[in-house]
Amino acid sequence: MLISRRKALVLFIILIFVWGLNWSVVKVIVQEIPPLWTSAIRSLIAAVAVFAAQCMTRQFVIPKRRD
């Protein structure tokens, strides 16, 4: 699937913004919550986001028992 140059640029700018914002947010959160819990929460959020993305694109597949 090819995307337009404009859409790629917009996605790239969003990615830069999210990564830049992530540094500030993690710095503040680690002051309040221990780093291990911060990692656990981040992993949970990522898992929920991936699950939602797979469900929306209908790519979520439950493997058969014999697999």
C-alpha atoms as a PDB file:
ATOM      1  CA  MET A   1       0.000   0.000   0.000  1.00  0.00           C
ATOM      2  CA  LEU A   2       1.510   3.277  -1.088  1.00  0.00           C
ATOM      3  CA  ILE A   3       0.635   6.513   0.634  1.00  0.00           C
ATOM      4  CA  SER A   4       0.946  10.018  -0.712  1.00  0.00           C
ATOM      5  CA  ARG A   5       3.952  12.159   0.092  1.00  0.00           C
ATOM      6  CA  ARG A   6       1.764  14.617   2.006  1.00  0.00           C
ATOM      7  CA  LYS A   7       0.250  11.892   4.191  1.00  0.00           C
ATOM      8  CA  ALA A   8       3.723  10.468   4.888  1.00  0.00           C
ATOM      9  CA  LEU A   9       4.931  13.915   5.930  1.00  0.00           C
ATOM     10  CA  VAL A  10       1.947  14.436   8.253  1.00  0.00           C
ATOM     11  CA  LEU A  11       2.491  11.021   9.853  1.00  0.00           C
ATOM     12  CA  PHE A  12       6.205  11.809  10.273  1.00  0.00           C
ATOM     13  CA  ILE A  13       5.417  15.114  12.001  1.00  0.00           C
ATOM     14  CA  ILE A  14       2.964  13.360  14.329  1.00  0.00           C
ATOM     15  CA  LEU A  15       5.622  10.760  15.135  1.00  0.00           C
ATOM     16  CA  ILE A  16       8.186  13.458  15.965  1.00  0.00           C
ATOM     17  CA  PHE A  17       5.661  15.240  18.193  1.00  0.00           C
ATOM     18  CA  VAL A  18       4.718  12.038  20.056  1.00  0.00           C
ATOM     19  CA  TRP A  19       8.342  11.023  20.645  1.00  0.00           C
ATOM     20  CA  GLY A  20       9.254  14.516  21.835  1.00  0.00           C
ATOM     21  CA  LEU A  21       6.264  14.679  24.143  1.00  0.00           C
ATOM     22  CA  ASN A  22       6.998  11.188  25.456  1.00  0.00           C
ATOM     23  CA  TRP A  23      10.327  12.306  26.950  1.00  0.00           C
ATOM     24  CA  SER A  24       8.693  15.098  28.972  1.00  0.00           C
ATOM     25  CA  VAL A  25       5.798  12.949  30.139  1.00  0.00           C
ATOM     26  CA  VAL A  26       8.028  10.062  31.254  1.00  0.00           C
ATOM     27  CA  LYS A  27      10.303  12.464  33.137  1.00  0.00           C
ATOM     28  CA  VAL A  28       7.332  13.781  35.139  1.00  0.00           C
ATOM     29  CA  ILE A  29       5.694  10.375  35.672  1.00  0.00           C
ATOM     30  CA  VAL A  30       8.884   8.694  36.939  1.00  0.00           C
ATOM     31  CA  GLN A  31       9.029  11.273  39.718  1.00  0.00           C
ATOM     32  CA  GLU A  32       5.654  10.032  41.002  1.00  0.00           C
ATOM     33  CA  ILE A  33       5.578   6.339  40.024  1.00  0.00           C
ATOM     34  CA  PRO A  34       8.470   3.838  40.240  1.00  0.00           C
ATOM     35  CA  PRO A  35      10.118   3.049  36.879  1.00  0.00           C
ATOM     36  CA  LEU A  36       8.994  -0.604  36.896  1.00  0.00           C
ATOM     37  CA  TRP A  37       5.338   0.413  37.238  1.00  0.00           C
ATOM     38  CA  THR A  38       5.825   3.055  34.559  1.00  0.00           C
ATOM     39  CA  SER A  39       7.066   0.367  32.161  1.00  0.00           C
ATOM     40  CA  ALA A  40       4.169  -1.915  33.057  1.00  0.00           C
ATOM     41  CA  ILE A  41       1.617   0.834  32.435  1.00  0.00           C
ATOM     42  CA  ARG A  42       3.290   1.790  29.138  1.00  0.00           C
ATOM     43  CA  SER A  43       3.218  -1.850  27.999  1.00  0.00           C
ATOM     44  CA  LEU A  44      -0.455  -2.163  28.924  1.00  0.00           C
ATOM     45  CA  ILE A  45      -1.337   0.968  26.962  1.00  0.00           C
ATOM     46  CA  ALA A  46       0.625  -0.311  23.951  1.00  0.00           C
ATOM     47  CA  ALA A  47      -1.087  -3.722  24.105  1.00  0.00           C
ATOM     48  CA  VAL A  48      -4.536  -2.113  24.218  1.00  0.00           C
ATOM     49  CA  ALA A  49      -3.633   0.188  21.296  1.00  0.00           C
ATOM     50  CA  VAL A  50      -2.342  -2.704  19.157  1.00  0.00           C
ATOM     51  CA  PHE A  51      -5.407  -4.806  19.998  1.00  0.00           C
ATOM     52  CA  ALA A  52      -7.726  -1.930  19.048  1.00  0.00           C
ATOM     53  CA  ALA A  53      -5.837  -1.319  15.792  1.00  0.00           C
ATOM     54  CA  GLN A  54      -6.015  -4.996  14.863  1.00  0.00           C
ATOM     55  CA  CYS A  55      -9.729  -5.154  15.618  1.00  0.00           C
ATOM     56  CA  MET A  56     -10.462  -2.010  13.583  1.00  0.00           C
ATOM     57  CA  THR A  57      -8.557  -3.346  10.567  1.00  0.00           C
ATOM     58  CA  ARG A  58      -9.992  -6.846  11.091  1.00  0.00           C
ATOM     59  CA  GLN A  59      -6.514  -8.351  11.328  1.00  0.00           C
ATOM     60  CA  PHE A  60      -6.986  -9.796  14.804  1.00  0.00           C
ATOM     61  CA  VAL A  61      -6.927 -13.572  14.509  1.00  0.00           C
ATOM     62  CA  ILE A  62      -7.175 -16.063  17.351  1.00  0.00           C
ATOM     63  CA  PRO A  63      -4.932 -19.037  16.530  1.00  0.00           C
ATOM     64  CA  LYS A  64      -6.510 -22.460  16.296  1.00  0.00           C
ATOM     65  CA  ARG A  65      -5.767 -24.890  19.108  1.00  0.00           C
ATOM     66  CA  ARG A  66      -3.649 -27.153  16.932  1.00  0.00           C
ATOM     67  CA  ASP A  67      -1.236 -24.278  16.189  1.00  0.00           C
END
